[in-house]
Amino acid sequence: MSLNPVGYVDLDYAGCKDTKRSTEGNIFIVVGGPVSWESKWQEIVALSTVESEYIAFTHATTQALWIAKFFFEVGLTQQIPITIHADNNRSIVNSTTDKHH
């Protein structure tokens, strides 16, 4: 049986009026249902939306790796790489090119 997890990540940049921390969230869907989700304040105050998005991407990627390892351990196969959808164009461009790094 082949499974194809799909992730989604988003955040509210500097959404906390008191601490200026961003709230991030991610969810992973398998066969039409959620299997993992999280929503929390980021531990640091990011200086830009791109930095904040990278932090959120990092947490979502860590979760995607955990899901892939779990599926492997229980004998399920999934498509690699796991797709993670996001909506911050600058972060997407920075992560798909090696220019300006």
PDB file of N, CA and C in Angstrom:
ATOM      1  N   MET A   1       0.838  -1.185   0.000  1.00  0.00           N
ATOM      2  CA  MET A   1       0.000   0.000   0.000  1.00  0.00           C
ATOM      3  C   MET A   1       0.884   1.249   0.000  1.00  0.00           C
ATOM      4  N   SER A   2       0.640   2.169  -0.923  1.00  0.00           N
ATOM      5  CA  SER A   2       1.428   3.389  -1.034  1.00  0.00           C
ATOM      6  C   SER A   2       0.625   4.583  -0.512  1.00  0.00           C
ATOM      7  N   LEU A   3       1.231   5.334   0.370  1.00  0.00           N
ATOM      8  CA  LEU A   3       0.597   6.517   0.941  1.00  0.00           C
ATOM      9  C   LEU A   3       1.401   7.745   0.538  1.00  0.00           C
ATOM     10  N   ASN A   4       0.722   8.844   0.346  1.00  0.00           N
ATOM     11  CA  ASN A   4       1.384  10.093  -0.040  1.00  0.00           C
ATOM     12  C   ASN A   4       1.008  11.215   0.921  1.00  0.00           C
ATOM     13  N   PRO A   5       1.745  11.370   2.021  1.00  0.00           N
ATOM     14  CA  PRO A   5       1.454  12.471   2.939  1.00  0.00           C
ATOM     15  C   PRO A   5       1.641  13.819   2.250  1.00  0.00           C
ATOM     16  N   VAL A   6       0.781  14.758   2.576  1.00  0.00           N
ATOM     17  CA  VAL A   6       0.882  16.128   2.066  1.00  0.00           C
ATOM     18  C   VAL A   6       0.794  17.062   3.264  1.00  0.00           C
ATOM     19  N   GLY A   7       1.727  18.013   3.339  1.00  0.00           N
ATOM     20  CA  GLY A   7       1.756  18.942   4.461  1.00  0.00           C
ATOM     21  C   GLY A   7       1.376  20.350   4.048  1.00  0.00           C
ATOM     22  N   TYR A   8       0.887  21.089   5.016  1.00  0.00           N
ATOM     23  CA  TYR A   8       0.550  22.503   4.832  1.00  0.00           C
ATOM     24  C   TYR A   8       1.114  23.263   6.026  1.00  0.00           C
ATOM     25  N   VAL A   9       1.707  24.417   5.765  1.00  0.00           N
ATOM     26  CA  VAL A   9       2.286  25.223   6.836  1.00  0.00           C
ATOM     27  C   VAL A   9       1.910  26.683   6.612  1.00  0.00           C
ATOM     28  N   ASP A  10       1.641  27.376   7.713  1.00  0.00           N
ATOM     29  CA  ASP A  10       1.308  28.798   7.634  1.00  0.00           C
ATOM     30  C   ASP A  10       1.622  29.434   8.986  1.00  0.00           C
ATOM     31  N   LEU A  11       1.665  30.760   9.010  1.00  0.00           N
ATOM     32  CA  LEU A  11       1.890  31.445  10.275  1.00  0.00           C
ATOM     33  C   LEU A  11       1.303  32.837  10.258  1.00  0.00           C
ATOM     34  N   ASP A  12       1.190  33.376  11.454  1.00  0.00           N
ATOM     35  CA  ASP A  12       0.736  34.739  11.682  1.00  0.00           C
ATOM     36  C   ASP A  12       1.949  35.505  12.188  1.00  0.00           C
ATOM     37  N   TYR A  13       2.606  36.261  11.311  1.00  0.00           N
ATOM     38  CA  TYR A  13       3.849  36.943  11.670  1.00  0.00           C
ATOM     39  C   TYR A  13       3.601  37.980  12.762  1.00  0.00           C
ATOM     40  N   ALA A  14       4.356  37.871  13.858  1.00  0.00           N
ATOM     41  CA  ALA A  14       4.305  38.805  14.994  1.00  0.00           C
ATOM     42  C   ALA A  14       2.876  39.016  15.479  1.00  0.00           C
ATOM     43  N   GLY A  15       2.113  37.941  15.509  1.00  0.00           N
ATOM     44  CA  GLY A  15       0.706  38.029  15.871  1.00  0.00           C
ATOM     45  C   GLY A  15       0.419  38.338  17.336  1.00  0.00           C
ATOM     46  N   CYS A  16       1.351  38.002  18.229  1.00  0.00           N
ATOM     47  CA  CYS A  16       1.149  38.302  19.647  1.00  0.00           C
ATOM     48  C   CYS A  16       1.500  39.764  19.897  1.00  0.00           C
ATOM     49  N   LYS A  17       0.537  40.558  20.314  1.00  0.00           N
ATOM     50  CA  LYS A  17       0.753  41.989  20.512  1.00  0.00           C
ATOM     51  C   LYS A  17       1.720  42.289  21.655  1.00  0.00           C
ATOM     52  N   ASP A  18       1.794  41.389  22.644  1.00  0.00           N
ATOM     53  CA  ASP A  18       2.666  41.616  23.799  1.00  0.00           C
ATOM     54  C   ASP A  18       4.116  41.217  23.526  1.00  0.00           C
ATOM     55  N   THR A  19       4.338  40.039  22.957  1.00  0.00           N
ATOM     56  CA  THR A  19       5.699  39.519  22.777  1.00  0.00           C
ATOM     57  C   THR A  19       6.215  39.650  21.350  1.00  0.00           C
ATOM     58  N   LYS A  20       5.348  39.939  20.389  1.00  0.00           N
ATOM     59  CA  LYS A  20       5.687  40.035  18.958  1.00  0.00           C
ATOM     60  C   LYS A  20       6.126  38.691  18.372  1.00  0.00           C
ATOM     61  N   ARG A  21       5.816  37.598  19.064  1.00  0.00           N
ATOM     62  CA  ARG A  21       6.140  36.281  18.517  1.00  0.00           C
ATOM     63  C   ARG A  21       5.076  35.874  17.505  1.00  0.00           C
ATOM     64  N   SER A  22       5.501  35.054  16.546  1.00  0.00           N
ATOM     65  CA  SER A  22       4.605  34.559  15.508  1.00  0.00           C
ATOM     66  C   SER A  22       3.952  33.259  15.959  1.00  0.00           C
ATOM     67  N   THR A  23       2.738  33.032  15.483  1.00  0.00           N
ATOM     68  CA  THR A  23       2.057  31.765  15.706  1.00  0.00           C
ATOM     69  C   THR A  23       2.159  30.962  14.424  1.00  0.00           C
ATOM     70  N   GLU A  24       2.688  29.742  14.530  1.00  0.00           N
ATOM     71  CA  GLU A  24       2.843  28.885  13.358  1.00  0.00           C
ATOM     72  C   GLU A  24       1.960  27.661  13.500  1.00  0.00           C
ATOM     73  N   GLY A  25       1.654  27.078  12.365  1.00  0.00           N
ATOM     74  CA  GLY A  25       0.879  25.848  12.381  1.00  0.00           C
ATOM     75  C   GLY A  25       1.207  24.997  11.171  1.00  0.00           C
ATOM     76  N   ASN A  26       1.081  23.683  11.355  1.00  0.00           N
ATOM     77  CA  ASN A  26       1.231  22.775  10.226  1.00  0.00           C
ATOM     78  C   ASN A  26       0.280  21.609  10.402  1.00  0.00           C
ATOM     79  N   ILE A  27      -0.073  21.004   9.278  1.00  0.00           N
ATOM     80  CA  ILE A  27      -0.944  19.831   9.278  1.00  0.00           C
ATOM     81  C   ILE A  27      -0.495  18.916   8.142  1.00  0.00           C
ATOM     82  N   PHE A  28      -0.564  17.620   8.397  1.00  0.00           N
ATOM     83  CA  PHE A  28      -0.243  16.623   7.382  1.00  0.00           C
ATOM     84  C   PHE A  28      -1.460  15.747   7.150  1.00  0.00           C
ATOM     85  N   ILE A  29      -1.793  15.578   5.872  1.00  0.00           N
ATOM     86  CA  ILE A  29      -2.969  14.827   5.446  1.00  0.00           C
ATOM     87  C   ILE A  29      -2.506  13.546   4.754  1.00  0.00           C
ATOM     88  N   VAL A  30      -3.130  12.426   5.090  1.00  0.00           N
ATOM     89  CA  VAL A  30      -2.874  11.149   4.413  1.00  0.00           C
ATOM     90  C   VAL A  30      -4.226  10.545   4.076  1.00  0.00           C
ATOM     91  N   VAL A  31      -4.426  10.194   2.824  1.00  0.00           N
ATOM     92  CA  VAL A  31      -5.666   9.577   2.329  1.00  0.00           C
ATOM     93  C   VAL A  31      -6.887  10.401   2.783  1.00  0.00           C
ATOM     94  N   GLY A  32      -6.771  11.728   2.669  1.00  0.00           N
ATOM     95  CA  GLY A  32      -7.899  12.605   2.940  1.00  0.00           C
ATOM     96  C   GLY A  32      -8.153  12.949   4.395  1.00  0.00           C
ATOM     97  N   GLY A  33      -7.341  12.434   5.319  1.00  0.00           N
ATOM     98  CA  GLY A  33      -7.562  12.726   6.732  1.00  0.00           C
ATOM     99  C   GLY A  33      -6.302  13.225   7.415  1.00  0.00           C
ATOM    100  N   PRO A  34      -6.453  14.079   8.434  1.00  0.00           N
ATOM    101  CA  PRO A  34      -5.281  14.589   9.149  1.00  0.00           C
ATOM    102  C   PRO A  34      -4.640  13.496  10.000  1.00  0.00           C
ATOM    103  N   VAL A  35      -3.307  13.407   9.957  1.00  0.00           N
ATOM    104  CA  VAL A  35      -2.585  12.437  10.783  1.00  0.00           C
ATOM    105  C   VAL A  35      -1.654  13.128  11.769  1.00  0.00           C
ATOM    106  N   SER A  36      -1.363  14.389  11.537  1.00  0.00           N
ATOM    107  CA  SER A  36      -0.489  15.146  12.423  1.00  0.00           C
ATOM    108  C   SER A  36      -0.799  16.623  12.256  1.00  0.00           C
ATOM    109  N   TRP A  37      -0.836  17.360  13.371  1.00  0.00           N
ATOM    110  CA  TRP A  37      -1.082  18.798  13.289  1.00  0.00           C
ATOM    111  C   TRP A  37      -0.487  19.463  14.517  1.00  0.00           C
ATOM    112  N   GLU A  38      -0.194  20.751  14.372  1.00  0.00           N
ATOM    113  CA  GLU A  38       0.423  21.499  15.459  1.00  0.00           C
ATOM    114  C   GLU A  38       0.164  22.980  15.244  1.00  0.00           C
ATOM    115  N   SER A  39      -0.038  23.701  16.327  1.00  0.00           N
ATOM    116  CA  SER A  39      -0.152  25.147  16.291  1.00  0.00           C
ATOM    117  C   SER A  39       0.474  25.678  17.573  1.00  0.00           C
ATOM    118  N   LYS A  40       1.450  26.588  17.435  1.00  0.00           N
ATOM    119  CA  LYS A  40       2.123  27.104  18.628  1.00  0.00           C
ATOM    120  C   LYS A  40       2.824  28.415  18.319  1.00  0.00           C
ATOM    121  N   TRP A  41       3.163  29.147  19.392  1.00  0.00           N
ATOM    122  CA  TRP A  41       3.983  30.339  19.238  1.00  0.00           C
ATOM    123  C   TRP A  41       5.412  29.923  18.960  1.00  0.00           C
ATOM    124  N   GLN A  42       6.076  30.670  18.093  1.00  0.00           N
ATOM    125  CA  GLN A  42       7.491  30.405  17.867  1.00  0.00           C
ATOM    126  C   GLN A  42       8.277  30.836  19.104  1.00  0.00           C
ATOM    127  N   GLU A  43       9.376  30.152  19.358  1.00  0.00           N
ATOM    128  CA  GLU A  43      10.145  30.393  20.578  1.00  0.00           C
ATOM    129  C   GLU A  43      10.952  31.681  20.541  1.00  0.00           C
ATOM    130  N   ILE A  44      11.240  32.194  19.338  1.00  0.00           N
ATOM    131  CA  ILE A  44      12.008  33.431  19.217  1.00  0.00           C
ATOM    132  C   ILE A  44      11.187  34.489  18.492  1.00  0.00           C
ATOM    133  N   VAL A  45      11.632  35.711  18.570  1.00  0.00           N
ATOM    134  CA  VAL A  45      11.008  36.795  17.812  1.00  0.00           C
ATOM    135  C   VAL A  45      11.771  36.920  16.496  1.00  0.00           C
ATOM    136  N   ALA A  46      11.108  36.615  15.399  1.00  0.00           N
ATOM    137  CA  ALA A  46      11.738  36.684  14.082  1.00  0.00           C
ATOM    138  C   ALA A  46      11.807  38.139  13.615  1.00  0.00           C
ATOM    139  N   LEU A  47      12.855  38.448  12.863  1.00  0.00           N
ATOM    140  CA  LEU A  47      13.043  39.813  12.385  1.00  0.00           C
ATOM    141  C   LEU A  47      12.337  40.096  11.075  1.00  0.00           C
ATOM    142  N   SER A  48      11.838  39.044  10.390  1.00  0.00           N
ATOM    143  CA  SER A  48      11.143  39.238   9.123  1.00  0.00           C
ATOM    144  C   SER A  48      10.160  38.083   8.910  1.00  0.00           C
ATOM    145  N   THR A  49       9.243  38.283   7.973  1.00  0.00           N
ATOM    146  CA  THR A  49       8.306  37.206   7.656  1.00  0.00           C
ATOM    147  C   THR A  49       9.040  36.012   7.060  1.00  0.00           C
ATOM    148  N   VAL A  50      10.089  36.267   6.255  1.00  0.00           N
ATOM    149  CA  VAL A  50      10.850  35.170   5.652  1.00  0.00           C
ATOM    150  C   VAL A  50      11.515  34.337   6.745  1.00  0.00           C
ATOM    151  N   GLU A  51      12.134  34.982   7.717  1.00  0.00           N
ATOM    152  CA  GLU A  51      12.767  34.252   8.823  1.00  0.00           C
ATOM    153  C   GLU A  51      11.731  33.436   9.585  1.00  0.00           C
ATOM    154  N   SER A  52      10.595  34.039   9.848  1.00  0.00           N
ATOM    155  CA  SER A  52       9.531  33.349  10.564  1.00  0.00           C
ATOM    156  C   SER A  52       8.998  32.155   9.765  1.00  0.00           C
ATOM    157  N   GLU A  53       8.863  32.332   8.452  1.00  0.00           N
ATOM    158  CA  GLU A  53       8.421  31.227   7.591  1.00  0.00           C
ATOM    159  C   GLU A  53       9.440  30.098   7.582  1.00  0.00           C
ATOM    160  N   TYR A  54      10.741  30.425   7.542  1.00  0.00           N
ATOM    161  CA  TYR A  54      11.775  29.397   7.578  1.00  0.00           C
ATOM    162  C   TYR A  54      11.687  28.584   8.867  1.00  0.00           C
ATOM    163  N   ILE A  55      11.441  29.246   9.971  1.00  0.00           N
ATOM    164  CA  ILE A  55      11.298  28.544  11.247  1.00  0.00           C
ATOM    165  C   ILE A  55      10.119  27.582  11.168  1.00  0.00           C
ATOM    166  N   ALA A  56       9.000  28.054  10.623  1.00  0.00           N
ATOM    167  CA  ALA A  56       7.816  27.205  10.480  1.00  0.00           C
ATOM    168  C   ALA A  56       8.095  26.038   9.524  1.00  0.00           C
ATOM    169  N   PHE A  57       8.802  26.314   8.398  1.00  0.00           N
ATOM    170  CA  PHE A  57       9.184  25.254   7.455  1.00  0.00           C
ATOM    171  C   PHE A  57      10.035  24.193   8.148  1.00  0.00           C
ATOM    172  N   THR A  58      10.959  24.643   8.976  1.00  0.00           N
ATOM    173  CA  THR A  58      11.841  23.718   9.684  1.00  0.00           C
ATOM    174  C   THR A  58      11.042  22.779  10.574  1.00  0.00           C
ATOM    175  N   HIS A  59      10.096  23.317  11.317  1.00  0.00           N
ATOM    176  CA  HIS A  59       9.268  22.470  12.182  1.00  0.00           C
ATOM    177  C   HIS A  59       8.416  21.509  11.355  1.00  0.00           C
ATOM    178  N   ALA A  60       7.854  21.991  10.253  1.00  0.00           N
ATOM    179  CA  ALA A  60       7.039  21.121   9.391  1.00  0.00           C
ATOM    180  C   ALA A  60       7.902  20.036   8.743  1.00  0.00           C
ATOM    181  N   THR A  61       9.104  20.381   8.318  1.00  0.00           N
ATOM    182  CA  THR A  61      10.000  19.402   7.709  1.00  0.00           C
ATOM    183  C   THR A  61      10.406  18.332   8.716  1.00  0.00           C
ATOM    184  N   THR A  62      10.672  18.732   9.936  1.00  0.00           N
ATOM    185  CA  THR A  62      10.990  17.770  10.993  1.00  0.00           C
ATOM    186  C   THR A  62       9.838  16.795  11.187  1.00  0.00           C
ATOM    187  N   GLN A  63       8.624  17.309  11.162  1.00  0.00           N
ATOM    188  CA  GLN A  63       7.454  16.440  11.315  1.00  0.00           C
ATOM    189  C   GLN A  63       7.296  15.514  10.111  1.00  0.00           C
ATOM    190  N   ALA A  64       7.566  16.031   8.911  1.00  0.00           N
ATOM    191  CA  ALA A  64       7.489  15.201   7.704  1.00  0.00           C
ATOM    192  C   ALA A  64       8.490  14.045   7.779  1.00  0.00           C
ATOM    193  N   LEU A  65       9.701  14.326   8.262  1.00  0.00           N
ATOM    194  CA  LEU A  65      10.695  13.265   8.422  1.00  0.00           C
ATOM    195  C   LEU A  65      10.236  12.230   9.437  1.00  0.00           C
ATOM    196  N   TRP A  66       9.622  12.683  10.525  1.00  0.00           N
ATOM    197  CA  TRP A  66       9.114  11.749  11.530  1.00  0.00           C
ATOM    198  C   TRP A  66       8.026  10.846  10.925  1.00  0.00           C
ATOM    199  N   ILE A  67       7.129  11.434  10.156  1.00  0.00           N
ATOM    200  CA  ILE A  67       6.063  10.658   9.510  1.00  0.00           C
ATOM    201  C   ILE A  67       6.672   9.619   8.569  1.00  0.00           C
ATOM    202  N   ALA A  68       7.653  10.026   7.761  1.00  0.00           N
ATOM    203  CA  ALA A  68       8.299   9.097   6.824  1.00  0.00           C
ATOM    204  C   ALA A  68       8.961   7.942   7.570  1.00  0.00           C
ATOM    205  N   LYS A  69       9.662   8.235   8.675  1.00  0.00           N
ATOM    206  CA  LYS A  69      10.305   7.183   9.470  1.00  0.00           C
ATOM    207  C   LYS A  69       9.259   6.248  10.087  1.00  0.00           C
ATOM    208  N   PHE A  70       8.187   6.824  10.588  1.00  0.00           N
ATOM    209  CA  PHE A  70       7.127   6.016  11.186  1.00  0.00           C
ATOM    210  C   PHE A  70       6.516   5.080  10.152  1.00  0.00           C
ATOM    211  N   PHE A  71       6.188   5.612   8.976  1.00  0.00           N
ATOM    212  CA  PHE A  71       5.622   4.774   7.905  1.00  0.00           C
ATOM    213  C   PHE A  71       6.578   3.639   7.539  1.00  0.00           C
ATOM    214  N   PHE A  72       7.878   3.957   7.446  1.00  0.00           N
ATOM    215  CA  PHE A  72       8.871   2.935   7.118  1.00  0.00           C
ATOM    216  C   PHE A  72       8.893   1.841   8.197  1.00  0.00           C
ATOM    217  N   GLU A  73       8.875   2.256   9.457  1.00  0.00           N
ATOM    218  CA  GLU A  73       8.955   1.296  10.564  1.00  0.00           C
ATOM    219  C   GLU A  73       7.756   0.360  10.625  1.00  0.00           C
ATOM    220  N   VAL A  74       6.582   0.829  10.203  1.00  0.00           N
ATOM    221  CA  VAL A  74       5.399  -0.032  10.246  1.00  0.00           C
ATOM    222  C   VAL A  74       5.114  -0.686   8.895  1.00  0.00           C
ATOM    223  N   GLY A  75       6.048  -0.536   7.944  1.00  0.00           N
ATOM    224  CA  GLY A  75       5.937  -1.234   6.669  1.00  0.00           C
ATOM    225  C   GLY A  75       5.074  -0.575   5.622  1.00  0.00           C
ATOM    226  N   LEU A  76       4.803   0.708   5.763  1.00  0.00           N
ATOM    227  CA  LEU A  76       4.026   1.448   4.762  1.00  0.00           C
ATOM    228  C   LEU A  76       4.986   2.231   3.882  1.00  0.00           C
ATOM    229  N   THR A  77       4.675   2.345   2.607  1.00  0.00           N
ATOM    230  CA  THR A  77       5.530   3.118   1.709  1.00  0.00           C
ATOM    231  C   THR A  77       4.839   4.429   1.363  1.00  0.00           C
ATOM    232  N   GLN A  78       5.643   5.450   1.157  1.00  0.00           N
ATOM    233  CA  GLN A  78       5.097   6.742   0.770  1.00  0.00           C
ATOM    234  C   GLN A  78       5.981   7.358  -0.289  1.00  0.00           C
ATOM    235  N   GLN A  79       5.416   8.297  -1.010  1.00  0.00           N
ATOM    236  CA  GLN A  79       6.148   9.011  -2.046  1.00  0.00           C
ATOM    237  C   GLN A  79       7.160   9.942  -1.384  1.00  0.00           C
ATOM    238  N   ILE A  80       8.381   9.913  -1.880  1.00  0.00           N
ATOM    239  CA  ILE A  80       9.417  10.803  -1.379  1.00  0.00           C
ATOM    240  C   ILE A  80       9.793  11.739  -2.520  1.00  0.00           C
ATOM    241  N   PRO A  81       9.981  13.004  -2.377  1.00  0.00           N
ATOM    242  CA  PRO A  81       9.850  13.746  -1.128  1.00  0.00           C
ATOM    243  C   PRO A  81       8.394  14.029  -0.779  1.00  0.00           C
ATOM    244  N   ILE A  82       8.153  14.298   0.480  1.00  0.00           N
ATOM    245  CA  ILE A  82       6.819  14.677   0.942  1.00  0.00           C
ATOM    246  C   ILE A  82       6.605  16.148   0.577  1.00  0.00           C
ATOM    247  N   THR A  83       5.489  16.438  -0.049  1.00  0.00           N
ATOM    248  CA  THR A  83       5.172  17.807  -0.451  1.00  0.00           C
ATOM    249  C   THR A  83       4.648  18.592   0.749  1.00  0.00           C
ATOM    250  N   ILE A  84       5.194  19.794   0.942  1.00  0.00           N
ATOM    251  CA  ILE A  84       4.714  20.707   1.985  1.00  0.00           C
ATOM    252  C   ILE A  84       4.329  22.009   1.286  1.00  0.00           C
ATOM    253  N   HIS A  85       3.070  22.381   1.381  1.00  0.00           N
ATOM    254  CA  HIS A  85       2.565  23.600   0.748  1.00  0.00           C
ATOM    255  C   HIS A  85       2.706  24.786   1.697  1.00  0.00           C
ATOM    256  N   ALA A  86       3.053  25.941   1.113  1.00  0.00           N
ATOM    257  CA  ALA A  86       3.191  27.177   1.879  1.00  0.00           C
ATOM    258  C   ALA A  86       2.718  28.334   1.026  1.00  0.00           C
ATOM    259  N   ASP A  87       2.606  29.509   1.641  1.00  0.00           N
ATOM    260  CA  ASP A  87       2.074  30.650   0.892  1.00  0.00           C
ATOM    261  C   ASP A  87       2.973  31.886   0.899  1.00  0.00           C
ATOM    262  N   ASN A  88       4.193  31.771   1.387  1.00  0.00           N
ATOM    263  CA  ASN A  88       5.088  32.918   1.401  1.00  0.00           C
ATOM    264  C   ASN A  88       6.027  32.829   0.205  1.00  0.00           C
ATOM    265  N   ASN A  89       5.784  33.634  -0.821  1.00  0.00           N
ATOM    266  CA  ASN A  89       6.537  33.547  -2.079  1.00  0.00           C
ATOM    267  C   ASN A  89       8.039  33.753  -1.900  1.00  0.00           C
ATOM    268  N   ARG A  90       8.454  34.683  -1.072  1.00  0.00           N
ATOM    269  CA  ARG A  90       9.889  34.944  -0.880  1.00  0.00           C
ATOM    270  C   ARG A  90      10.573  33.727  -0.272  1.00  0.00           C
ATOM    271  N   SER A  91       9.950  33.089   0.687  1.00  0.00           N
ATOM    272  CA  SER A  91      10.524  31.886   1.289  1.00  0.00           C
ATOM    273  C   SER A  91      10.596  30.747   0.286  1.00  0.00           C
ATOM    274  N   ILE A  92       9.562  30.607  -0.530  1.00  0.00           N
ATOM    275  CA  ILE A  92       9.542  29.546  -1.537  1.00  0.00           C
ATOM    276  C   ILE A  92      10.663  29.768  -2.539  1.00  0.00           C
ATOM    277  N   VAL A  93      10.832  31.012  -3.022  1.00  0.00           N
ATOM    278  CA  VAL A  93      11.893  31.315  -3.981  1.00  0.00           C
ATOM    279  C   VAL A  93      13.257  31.062  -3.342  1.00  0.00           C
ATOM    280  N   ASN A  94      13.461  31.506  -2.117  1.00  0.00           N
ATOM    281  CA  ASN A  94      14.748  31.311  -1.448  1.00  0.00           C
ATOM    282  C   ASN A  94      15.073  29.833  -1.244  1.00  0.00           C
ATOM    283  N   SER A  95      14.061  29.013  -0.990  1.00  0.00           N
ATOM    284  CA  SER A  95      14.323  27.601  -0.726  1.00  0.00           C
ATOM    285  C   SER A  95      14.475  26.772  -1.994  1.00  0.00           C
ATOM    286  N   THR A  96      14.107  27.327  -3.152  1.00  0.00           N
ATOM    287  CA  THR A  96      14.214  26.561  -4.390  1.00  0.00           C
ATOM    288  C   THR A  96      15.349  27.032  -5.289  1.00  0.00           C
ATOM    289  N   THR A  97      16.121  28.012  -4.867  1.00  0.00           N
ATOM    290  CA  THR A  97      17.241  28.497  -5.656  1.00  0.00           C
ATOM    291  C   THR A  97      18.475  28.628  -4.762  1.00  0.00           C
ATOM    292  N   ASP A  98      19.647  28.580  -5.360  1.00  0.00           N
ATOM    293  CA  ASP A  98      20.862  28.730  -4.562  1.00  0.00           C
ATOM    294  C   ASP A  98      21.462  30.136  -4.676  1.00  0.00           C
ATOM    295  N   LYS A  99      20.763  31.050  -5.307  1.00  0.00           N
ATOM    296  CA  LYS A  99      21.228  32.425  -5.405  1.00  0.00           C
ATOM    297  C   LYS A  99      20.929  33.154  -4.100  1.00  0.00           C
ATOM    298  N   HIS A 100      21.768  34.136  -3.783  1.00  0.00           N
ATOM    299  CA  HIS A 100      21.595  35.015  -2.614  1.00  0.00           C
ATOM    300  C   HIS A 100      21.616  34.245  -1.302  1.00  0.00           C
ATOM    301  N   HIS A 101      22.367  33.162  -1.241  1.00  0.00           N
ATOM    302  CA  HIS A 101      22.494  32.417   0.016  1.00  0.00           C
ATOM    303  C   HIS A 101      23.864  32.637   0.590  1.00  0.00           C
TER     304      HIS A 101
END
